[in-house]
N, C-alpha and C. Protein backbone atom coordinates (compact mmCIF):
# COMPACT_ATOMS: atom_id res chain seq x y z
N UNK A 1 30.61 -51.23 -60.80
CA UNK A 1 30.89 -50.82 -59.44
C UNK A 1 29.60 -50.93 -58.62
N UNK A 2 29.74 -51.47 -57.41
CA UNK A 2 28.62 -51.62 -56.49
C UNK A 2 28.93 -50.81 -55.24
N UNK A 3 27.94 -50.06 -54.74
CA UNK A 3 28.13 -49.23 -53.56
C UNK A 3 27.10 -49.59 -52.50
N UNK A 4 27.59 -49.75 -51.27
CA UNK A 4 26.73 -49.92 -50.10
C UNK A 4 26.89 -48.68 -49.23
N UNK A 5 25.77 -48.14 -48.77
CA UNK A 5 25.80 -47.03 -47.81
C UNK A 5 25.13 -47.52 -46.54
N UNK A 6 25.88 -47.45 -45.45
CA UNK A 6 25.38 -47.84 -44.13
C UNK A 6 25.21 -46.56 -43.32
N UNK A 7 23.99 -46.32 -42.81
CA UNK A 7 23.77 -45.11 -42.01
C UNK A 7 23.18 -45.47 -40.65
N UNK A 8 23.59 -44.69 -39.66
CA UNK A 8 23.09 -44.89 -38.30
C UNK A 8 23.20 -43.56 -37.56
N UNK A 9 22.47 -43.44 -36.47
CA UNK A 9 22.49 -42.22 -35.68
C UNK A 9 22.32 -42.53 -34.21
N UNK A 10 22.80 -41.64 -33.37
CA UNK A 10 22.62 -41.79 -31.93
C UNK A 10 21.27 -41.23 -31.48
N UNK A 11 20.55 -40.62 -32.39
CA UNK A 11 19.28 -39.95 -32.07
C UNK A 11 18.12 -40.90 -32.37
N UNK A 12 17.21 -41.00 -31.42
CA UNK A 12 16.03 -41.85 -31.60
C UNK A 12 14.78 -41.02 -31.33
N UNK A 13 13.80 -41.15 -32.20
CA UNK A 13 12.52 -40.50 -31.97
C UNK A 13 12.39 -39.13 -32.62
N UNK A 14 11.19 -38.54 -32.51
CA UNK A 14 10.89 -37.29 -33.20
C UNK A 14 11.32 -36.02 -32.45
N UNK A 15 11.70 -36.14 -31.18
CA UNK A 15 12.08 -34.95 -30.41
C UNK A 15 13.43 -34.43 -30.90
N UNK A 16 13.54 -33.11 -31.06
CA UNK A 16 14.79 -32.49 -31.48
C UNK A 16 15.79 -32.55 -30.33
N UNK A 17 17.02 -32.94 -30.66
CA UNK A 17 18.08 -33.01 -29.66
C UNK A 17 19.43 -33.05 -30.35
N UNK A 18 20.49 -32.95 -29.58
CA UNK A 18 21.84 -33.06 -30.11
C UNK A 18 22.20 -34.54 -30.22
N UNK A 19 23.03 -34.85 -31.18
CA UNK A 19 23.49 -36.22 -31.36
C UNK A 19 24.40 -36.29 -32.57
N UNK A 20 24.66 -37.52 -32.99
CA UNK A 20 25.56 -37.72 -34.12
C UNK A 20 24.97 -38.68 -35.13
N UNK A 21 25.40 -38.49 -36.37
CA UNK A 21 25.12 -39.50 -37.38
C UNK A 21 26.45 -40.07 -37.85
N UNK A 22 26.35 -41.23 -38.46
CA UNK A 22 27.53 -41.87 -39.01
C UNK A 22 27.13 -42.58 -40.29
N UNK A 23 28.01 -42.52 -41.27
CA UNK A 23 27.80 -43.34 -42.46
C UNK A 23 29.11 -44.01 -42.84
N UNK A 24 28.96 -45.13 -43.49
CA UNK A 24 30.08 -45.81 -44.13
C UNK A 24 29.68 -46.05 -45.57
N UNK A 25 30.55 -45.65 -46.46
CA UNK A 25 30.37 -45.82 -47.90
C UNK A 25 31.34 -46.92 -48.31
N UNK A 26 30.80 -48.04 -48.73
CA UNK A 26 31.62 -49.18 -49.13
C UNK A 26 31.49 -49.36 -50.64
N UNK A 27 32.60 -49.28 -51.31
CA UNK A 27 32.62 -49.40 -52.76
C UNK A 27 33.28 -50.72 -53.14
N UNK A 28 32.56 -51.53 -53.89
CA UNK A 28 33.09 -52.80 -54.39
C UNK A 28 33.54 -52.59 -55.83
N UNK A 29 34.83 -52.75 -56.06
CA UNK A 29 35.38 -52.59 -57.40
C UNK A 29 36.04 -53.89 -57.83
N UNK A 30 36.51 -53.93 -59.05
CA UNK A 30 37.20 -55.13 -59.53
C UNK A 30 38.50 -55.37 -58.77
N UNK A 31 39.01 -54.34 -58.11
CA UNK A 31 40.25 -54.46 -57.33
C UNK A 31 40.01 -54.73 -55.85
N UNK A 32 38.74 -54.84 -55.45
CA UNK A 32 38.43 -55.09 -54.05
C UNK A 32 37.53 -54.03 -53.47
N UNK A 33 37.46 -54.03 -52.14
CA UNK A 33 36.56 -53.13 -51.42
C UNK A 33 37.32 -51.92 -50.89
N UNK A 34 36.67 -50.76 -50.97
CA UNK A 34 37.22 -49.53 -50.38
C UNK A 34 36.13 -48.93 -49.51
N UNK A 35 36.48 -48.54 -48.28
CA UNK A 35 35.52 -47.99 -47.33
C UNK A 35 35.87 -46.56 -46.97
N UNK A 36 34.85 -45.71 -46.95
CA UNK A 36 34.99 -44.32 -46.51
C UNK A 36 33.90 -44.09 -45.47
N UNK A 37 34.21 -43.32 -44.46
CA UNK A 37 33.19 -43.07 -43.45
C UNK A 37 33.29 -41.68 -42.86
N UNK A 38 32.24 -41.31 -42.16
CA UNK A 38 32.21 -40.00 -41.50
C UNK A 38 31.24 -40.06 -40.34
N UNK A 39 31.60 -39.35 -39.28
CA UNK A 39 30.69 -39.13 -38.16
C UNK A 39 30.59 -37.62 -37.98
N UNK A 40 29.37 -37.14 -37.78
CA UNK A 40 29.19 -35.71 -37.61
C UNK A 40 28.22 -35.42 -36.48
N UNK A 41 28.54 -34.41 -35.70
CA UNK A 41 27.68 -33.98 -34.60
C UNK A 41 26.66 -32.97 -35.12
N UNK A 42 25.42 -33.13 -34.65
CA UNK A 42 24.33 -32.22 -34.98
C UNK A 42 23.78 -31.66 -33.68
N UNK A 43 23.48 -30.38 -33.65
CA UNK A 43 23.06 -29.74 -32.40
C UNK A 43 21.57 -29.87 -32.09
N UNK A 44 20.72 -29.82 -33.10
CA UNK A 44 19.28 -29.86 -32.86
C UNK A 44 18.61 -30.52 -34.05
N UNK A 45 18.32 -31.81 -33.91
CA UNK A 45 17.77 -32.55 -35.03
C UNK A 45 16.92 -33.71 -34.54
N UNK A 46 16.16 -34.30 -35.45
CA UNK A 46 15.35 -35.48 -35.15
C UNK A 46 16.04 -36.71 -35.73
N UNK A 47 15.54 -37.86 -35.37
CA UNK A 47 16.07 -39.11 -35.91
C UNK A 47 15.96 -39.13 -37.44
N UNK A 48 14.80 -38.76 -37.96
CA UNK A 48 14.60 -38.77 -39.41
C UNK A 48 15.57 -37.83 -40.11
N UNK A 49 15.68 -36.60 -39.60
CA UNK A 49 16.55 -35.62 -40.24
C UNK A 49 18.01 -36.06 -40.16
N UNK A 50 18.44 -36.60 -39.04
CA UNK A 50 19.83 -37.06 -38.91
C UNK A 50 20.13 -38.16 -39.93
N UNK A 51 19.20 -39.08 -40.12
CA UNK A 51 19.39 -40.14 -41.12
C UNK A 51 19.45 -39.57 -42.52
N UNK A 52 18.59 -38.60 -42.81
CA UNK A 52 18.60 -37.97 -44.13
C UNK A 52 19.92 -37.23 -44.38
N UNK A 53 20.40 -36.52 -43.37
CA UNK A 53 21.66 -35.80 -43.52
C UNK A 53 22.83 -36.76 -43.73
N UNK A 54 22.81 -37.89 -43.04
CA UNK A 54 23.86 -38.90 -43.24
C UNK A 54 23.81 -39.44 -44.66
N UNK A 55 22.62 -39.74 -45.14
CA UNK A 55 22.47 -40.25 -46.50
C UNK A 55 22.91 -39.22 -47.52
N UNK A 56 22.50 -37.98 -47.33
CA UNK A 56 22.87 -36.92 -48.25
C UNK A 56 24.40 -36.76 -48.31
N UNK A 57 25.04 -36.79 -47.15
CA UNK A 57 26.50 -36.65 -47.10
C UNK A 57 27.19 -37.81 -47.82
N UNK A 58 26.68 -39.02 -47.63
CA UNK A 58 27.27 -40.19 -48.29
C UNK A 58 27.08 -40.12 -49.80
N UNK A 59 25.85 -39.81 -50.23
CA UNK A 59 25.58 -39.71 -51.67
C UNK A 59 26.43 -38.62 -52.33
N UNK A 60 26.71 -37.58 -51.59
CA UNK A 60 27.49 -36.47 -52.10
C UNK A 60 28.92 -36.89 -52.45
N UNK A 61 29.38 -37.98 -51.89
CA UNK A 61 30.74 -38.46 -52.16
C UNK A 61 30.82 -39.30 -53.43
N UNK A 62 29.67 -39.71 -53.95
CA UNK A 62 29.68 -40.52 -55.17
C UNK A 62 29.95 -39.64 -56.38
N UNK A 63 30.74 -40.14 -57.29
CA UNK A 63 31.08 -39.36 -58.48
C UNK A 63 30.29 -39.77 -59.70
N UNK A 64 29.57 -40.90 -59.60
CA UNK A 64 28.74 -41.33 -60.73
C UNK A 64 27.62 -42.23 -60.21
N UNK A 65 26.60 -42.39 -61.03
CA UNK A 65 25.48 -43.25 -60.65
C UNK A 65 25.91 -44.70 -60.78
N UNK A 66 25.43 -45.51 -59.86
CA UNK A 66 25.88 -46.89 -59.77
C UNK A 66 24.83 -47.75 -59.09
N UNK A 67 25.05 -49.05 -59.10
CA UNK A 67 24.20 -49.93 -58.30
C UNK A 67 24.40 -49.56 -56.84
N UNK A 68 23.30 -49.43 -56.11
CA UNK A 68 23.37 -48.88 -54.78
C UNK A 68 22.47 -49.64 -53.82
N UNK A 69 23.01 -49.95 -52.64
CA UNK A 69 22.23 -50.53 -51.55
C UNK A 69 22.39 -49.62 -50.35
N UNK A 70 21.26 -49.25 -49.74
CA UNK A 70 21.27 -48.38 -48.56
C UNK A 70 20.77 -49.18 -47.37
N UNK A 71 21.57 -49.21 -46.32
CA UNK A 71 21.27 -49.92 -45.08
C UNK A 71 20.91 -48.88 -44.03
N UNK A 72 19.71 -48.97 -43.46
CA UNK A 72 19.25 -47.98 -42.49
C UNK A 72 18.45 -48.62 -41.37
N UNK A 73 18.44 -47.96 -40.23
CA UNK A 73 17.64 -48.37 -39.07
C UNK A 73 16.38 -47.51 -38.97
N UNK A 74 16.21 -46.58 -39.88
CA UNK A 74 15.12 -45.59 -39.82
C UNK A 74 13.97 -46.02 -40.74
N UNK A 75 12.81 -46.32 -40.15
CA UNK A 75 11.67 -46.81 -40.93
C UNK A 75 11.18 -45.76 -41.93
N UNK A 76 11.18 -44.49 -41.54
CA UNK A 76 10.72 -43.42 -42.42
C UNK A 76 11.60 -43.31 -43.67
N UNK A 77 12.88 -43.27 -43.48
CA UNK A 77 13.81 -43.17 -44.60
C UNK A 77 13.70 -44.41 -45.49
N UNK A 78 13.63 -45.58 -44.87
CA UNK A 78 13.51 -46.82 -45.65
C UNK A 78 12.25 -46.81 -46.51
N UNK A 79 11.11 -46.46 -45.91
CA UNK A 79 9.84 -46.46 -46.65
C UNK A 79 9.84 -45.39 -47.74
N UNK A 80 10.33 -44.21 -47.42
CA UNK A 80 10.34 -43.12 -48.41
C UNK A 80 11.22 -43.46 -49.61
N UNK A 81 12.36 -44.08 -49.36
CA UNK A 81 13.25 -44.46 -50.47
C UNK A 81 12.69 -45.64 -51.25
N UNK A 82 12.21 -46.64 -50.53
CA UNK A 82 11.68 -47.85 -51.18
C UNK A 82 10.51 -47.50 -52.09
N UNK A 83 9.65 -46.58 -51.64
CA UNK A 83 8.45 -46.21 -52.39
C UNK A 83 8.63 -44.95 -53.23
N UNK A 84 9.82 -44.38 -53.18
CA UNK A 84 10.17 -43.16 -53.93
C UNK A 84 9.12 -42.07 -53.75
N UNK A 85 8.75 -41.86 -52.47
CA UNK A 85 7.77 -40.83 -52.15
C UNK A 85 8.18 -39.48 -52.69
N UNK A 86 9.48 -39.21 -52.76
CA UNK A 86 9.95 -37.89 -53.21
C UNK A 86 9.52 -37.58 -54.63
N UNK A 87 9.25 -38.60 -55.44
CA UNK A 87 8.76 -38.34 -56.80
C UNK A 87 7.37 -37.71 -56.75
N UNK A 88 6.50 -38.23 -55.91
CA UNK A 88 5.16 -37.65 -55.76
C UNK A 88 5.23 -36.29 -55.09
N UNK A 89 6.07 -36.17 -54.08
CA UNK A 89 6.20 -34.88 -53.40
C UNK A 89 6.63 -33.79 -54.37
N UNK A 90 7.60 -34.11 -55.23
CA UNK A 90 8.08 -33.09 -56.17
C UNK A 90 6.99 -32.71 -57.18
N UNK A 91 6.15 -33.67 -57.57
CA UNK A 91 5.03 -33.36 -58.47
C UNK A 91 3.98 -32.49 -57.78
N UNK A 92 3.87 -32.63 -56.46
CA UNK A 92 2.86 -31.90 -55.67
C UNK A 92 3.46 -30.68 -54.97
N UNK A 93 4.50 -30.09 -55.57
CA UNK A 93 5.13 -28.90 -55.01
C UNK A 93 5.60 -29.11 -53.57
N UNK A 94 6.15 -30.30 -53.30
CA UNK A 94 6.71 -30.68 -52.01
C UNK A 94 5.70 -30.59 -50.87
N UNK A 95 4.51 -31.12 -51.21
CA UNK A 95 3.45 -31.26 -50.22
C UNK A 95 3.08 -32.74 -50.12
N UNK A 96 2.67 -33.15 -48.92
CA UNK A 96 2.24 -34.53 -48.72
C UNK A 96 0.86 -34.73 -49.32
N UNK A 97 0.37 -35.96 -49.30
CA UNK A 97 -0.98 -36.22 -49.81
C UNK A 97 -2.04 -35.47 -49.01
N UNK A 98 -1.72 -35.09 -47.79
CA UNK A 98 -2.65 -34.31 -46.96
C UNK A 98 -2.53 -32.81 -47.22
N UNK A 99 -1.59 -32.42 -48.07
CA UNK A 99 -1.43 -31.01 -48.41
C UNK A 99 -0.50 -30.23 -47.50
N UNK A 100 0.15 -30.91 -46.57
CA UNK A 100 1.09 -30.23 -45.67
C UNK A 100 2.50 -30.27 -46.27
N UNK A 101 3.33 -29.29 -45.94
CA UNK A 101 4.70 -29.29 -46.48
C UNK A 101 5.48 -30.52 -46.02
N UNK A 102 6.28 -31.06 -46.91
CA UNK A 102 7.13 -32.20 -46.60
C UNK A 102 8.24 -31.74 -45.67
N UNK A 103 8.41 -32.43 -44.55
CA UNK A 103 9.51 -32.11 -43.63
C UNK A 103 10.84 -32.37 -44.33
N UNK A 104 11.78 -31.47 -44.14
CA UNK A 104 13.13 -31.61 -44.69
C UNK A 104 13.14 -31.70 -46.22
N UNK A 105 12.25 -30.95 -46.85
CA UNK A 105 12.12 -31.04 -48.31
C UNK A 105 13.41 -30.66 -49.03
N UNK A 106 14.19 -29.75 -48.50
CA UNK A 106 15.45 -29.38 -49.17
C UNK A 106 16.42 -30.55 -49.20
N UNK A 107 16.46 -31.31 -48.12
CA UNK A 107 17.34 -32.49 -48.09
C UNK A 107 16.81 -33.54 -49.05
N UNK A 108 15.49 -33.75 -49.06
CA UNK A 108 14.90 -34.71 -49.99
C UNK A 108 15.16 -34.32 -51.44
N UNK A 109 15.07 -33.03 -51.75
CA UNK A 109 15.35 -32.57 -53.12
C UNK A 109 16.78 -32.91 -53.51
N UNK A 110 17.69 -32.69 -52.61
CA UNK A 110 19.10 -32.99 -52.86
C UNK A 110 19.30 -34.50 -53.08
N UNK A 111 18.67 -35.31 -52.24
CA UNK A 111 18.78 -36.77 -52.38
C UNK A 111 18.17 -37.22 -53.70
N UNK A 112 17.01 -36.67 -54.05
CA UNK A 112 16.37 -37.02 -55.32
C UNK A 112 17.29 -36.69 -56.49
N UNK A 113 17.90 -35.53 -56.46
CA UNK A 113 18.80 -35.12 -57.54
C UNK A 113 20.01 -36.04 -57.63
N UNK A 114 20.59 -36.39 -56.49
CA UNK A 114 21.77 -37.25 -56.52
C UNK A 114 21.45 -38.68 -56.94
N UNK A 115 20.27 -39.18 -56.55
CA UNK A 115 19.88 -40.53 -56.96
C UNK A 115 19.54 -40.59 -58.45
N UNK A 116 18.93 -39.54 -58.96
CA UNK A 116 18.52 -39.56 -60.36
C UNK A 116 17.61 -40.76 -60.60
N UNK A 117 17.86 -41.48 -61.70
CA UNK A 117 17.01 -42.63 -62.01
C UNK A 117 17.37 -43.89 -61.21
N UNK A 118 18.45 -43.85 -60.44
CA UNK A 118 18.87 -45.04 -59.68
C UNK A 118 17.82 -45.39 -58.63
N UNK A 119 17.42 -46.63 -58.62
CA UNK A 119 16.50 -47.14 -57.61
C UNK A 119 17.33 -48.03 -56.68
N UNK A 120 17.69 -47.50 -55.51
CA UNK A 120 18.54 -48.29 -54.63
C UNK A 120 17.78 -49.44 -53.98
N UNK A 121 18.51 -50.48 -53.65
CA UNK A 121 17.95 -51.55 -52.83
C UNK A 121 18.01 -51.04 -51.39
N UNK A 122 16.93 -51.24 -50.65
CA UNK A 122 16.86 -50.75 -49.28
C UNK A 122 16.88 -51.93 -48.32
N UNK A 123 17.79 -51.86 -47.36
CA UNK A 123 17.89 -52.87 -46.31
C UNK A 123 17.53 -52.18 -45.01
N UNK A 124 16.38 -52.54 -44.46
CA UNK A 124 15.89 -51.90 -43.24
C UNK A 124 16.07 -52.83 -42.05
N UNK A 125 16.82 -52.35 -41.05
CA UNK A 125 17.07 -53.09 -39.81
C UNK A 125 17.60 -54.50 -40.08
N UNK A 126 18.43 -54.63 -41.08
CA UNK A 126 19.07 -55.91 -41.36
C UNK A 126 20.50 -55.87 -40.85
N UNK A 127 20.97 -57.00 -40.39
CA UNK A 127 22.35 -57.08 -39.91
C UNK A 127 23.31 -56.88 -41.07
N UNK A 128 24.42 -56.24 -40.77
CA UNK A 128 25.49 -56.09 -41.75
C UNK A 128 26.82 -56.06 -41.00
N UNK A 129 27.89 -56.12 -41.73
CA UNK A 129 29.21 -56.26 -41.12
C UNK A 129 29.63 -55.06 -40.27
N UNK A 130 29.04 -53.90 -40.47
CA UNK A 130 29.43 -52.70 -39.72
C UNK A 130 28.49 -52.35 -38.58
N UNK A 131 27.35 -53.02 -38.49
CA UNK A 131 26.28 -52.63 -37.57
C UNK A 131 26.77 -52.49 -36.12
N UNK A 132 27.34 -53.53 -35.56
CA UNK A 132 27.77 -53.49 -34.16
C UNK A 132 28.85 -52.44 -33.95
N UNK A 133 29.78 -52.34 -34.88
CA UNK A 133 30.86 -51.37 -34.76
C UNK A 133 30.32 -49.95 -34.77
N UNK A 134 29.38 -49.66 -35.69
CA UNK A 134 28.80 -48.32 -35.77
C UNK A 134 28.04 -47.98 -34.49
N UNK A 135 27.24 -48.91 -34.00
CA UNK A 135 26.48 -48.66 -32.78
C UNK A 135 27.41 -48.43 -31.59
N UNK A 136 28.48 -49.20 -31.51
CA UNK A 136 29.45 -49.02 -30.43
C UNK A 136 30.13 -47.65 -30.52
N UNK A 137 30.54 -47.25 -31.71
CA UNK A 137 31.19 -45.94 -31.90
C UNK A 137 30.25 -44.80 -31.52
N UNK A 138 28.99 -44.89 -31.93
CA UNK A 138 28.02 -43.85 -31.59
C UNK A 138 27.78 -43.79 -30.08
N UNK A 139 27.73 -44.95 -29.41
CA UNK A 139 27.57 -44.97 -27.94
C UNK A 139 28.79 -44.36 -27.26
N UNK A 140 29.97 -44.71 -27.74
CA UNK A 140 31.21 -44.16 -27.16
C UNK A 140 31.23 -42.64 -27.31
N UNK A 141 30.87 -42.15 -28.47
CA UNK A 141 30.85 -40.72 -28.70
C UNK A 141 29.82 -40.04 -27.81
N UNK A 142 28.68 -40.69 -27.61
CA UNK A 142 27.62 -40.11 -26.79
C UNK A 142 28.09 -40.01 -25.33
N UNK A 143 28.77 -41.06 -24.83
CA UNK A 143 29.29 -41.03 -23.46
C UNK A 143 30.35 -39.93 -23.31
N UNK A 144 31.17 -39.73 -24.34
CA UNK A 144 32.22 -38.73 -24.30
C UNK A 144 31.69 -37.31 -24.27
N UNK A 145 30.43 -37.11 -24.65
CA UNK A 145 29.84 -35.76 -24.69
C UNK A 145 29.35 -35.31 -23.33
N UNK A 146 29.13 -36.24 -22.42
CA UNK A 146 28.54 -35.90 -21.11
C UNK A 146 29.54 -35.23 -20.21
């Protein structure tokens, strides 16, 4: 079984604000493709945290470890996953190399636990079949909130 997780958010930048995240979980099986998705509103969050929450929610739907590809527009999440920074953070009591607490460490701990030994392939800012649709849905939802 092969799983693709596509994540996106209406929130851009480090300033806390309201917005939404969206994920699509695409499972490729011998019988074909199955897609599950979710959009959730967040009241006060950053771009990084919204992406982490979307990833955590998607991973939470998996029932077993599998080949995994994660598609994201967030450079922080892409770099942290690609380089498995959370492994070093957990060894350093969830502190960065500078000795400061890791932002969103509880979410990172959850993601680390769910990933286990799986090393996902990371696709950063690459086109995929859902990209335009997800961006359009997030824009529509954002307009509907005003």
